[in-house]
Amino acid sequence: MKEFSYKKLAVIMVSFMMAVTAATIAGVIFFGNRVFRILEEGEKDSTILKHYAFICENSSDGFYRSIFEGAYRTAEEEGDYLEDMGKNLTPTPDRTGLMELSIDAGVDGIIVEAGEREEMKELIDLADSKGIPVITVGSDNTSSARKSYVGFGYYDLGTNYGKEILKKATDEQKNVLVLMSPDAEDSSQNIIFQGIRETIERSDASDSFNLQTMAVPDTSVFGAEESISALIMNDDELPDMIICLNEIYTTCICQALVDYNRVGQTIVYGFYENSTILSAIRKNIIYATLTMNTDQMGSYCIEALKEYEETGYVNEYMPADIRVVTSDNIDEYISEKEEETAYEPAV
């Protein structure tokens, strides 16, 4: 009986030792693989030449998302890394908070949707004093120490809207409503409106249009939806034309016209494009949208940073192409986008 117990104990001990040995070997292999991966990732990270920050008001905004993607691709081709500063932060700080984070992080350059606020000017100047070049995109801060502005001229955009409006001139006066941001400190939309008004005033059809404005919240989709829905669902006659100066307004009005069965009761000119806007143009829910080559804008931002790093100089203004998209050229426009960026809108 004792002999059997000793044999049984020996078997158990041998089995235990084998298990420990196997576990040790497995642990060594796992740890070795882990160390290899860490070293490999470290080696990969060490190949990044520059770390840039991208900052915008709303990172889900299709206009700025597309600019970021164009800039990211160009940075990657240069061996650099472009970080969307607000992407993984909850709650997301505002643009000034993201500027402060970027400056504290000591990034190599900042691309920012600036606007004309004094607080933003001070932060851009602070970044510049610390040797961090700043490129403004889409929305400029003209009095700051930014190195270059990439985008469209606000007045030029207004001129383009004005030219489109004039194509609808008749003997009967038309009411034109321009949806604008309530942010009094941001002068960009006022300049766009000035471009619209002066283009019409200089024409022979200046008496054919009555321009008005309406302030619509633009910091959230919900706020814009409420204001635009209230306008469309009202029993009053709609303006003959409605001009939307950002993507949020345009998307909201596309939906509101359908929801309240008012398609065809007003001519809508939008800003930029997404699948909803392009589908609305194709279905004649809205007449047209003015869009920019955002992929080009993104590339210009990185090119401006690289040029400044290499030479200490860069053009102060790098304009993007403006294009009017209507039902007449929408298929051509989408085909060109597909060729450029593998664009696949759901229309």
Foldseek 3Di string as FASTA:
>chain_A
DVVVVVVVVVVVVVVVVVVVVVVVVVVVVVVVVVVVVVVVVVVLVVQADFEEEEEEQDCVAPLVVLLQVLLQVLSVVVSHHYDDQQPPDVPGDGRLVSLVVCLVVVGQEYEYQQFQDPSSQVSCQVSVVVNHAYEYEPADHVVHPHAAYEEAQLLVLLLVVLVVVVVPFDPAAFEEEEEDAPPPRGCSNVNSPVSNLVNLVPDPRVRRYDYDYDHFHDSDLVRNLVVLLCQLLDPDQHTQEYEYPGDSNQLSNLVSCVVNVNQPRHAYEYEADALSNLVCQLVNSHFKYKHWPSSVSSNVRNVQSVCCVVPVHGDHYHYTDIDIDHNVCSVVVVVVVCVPPVDDRPD
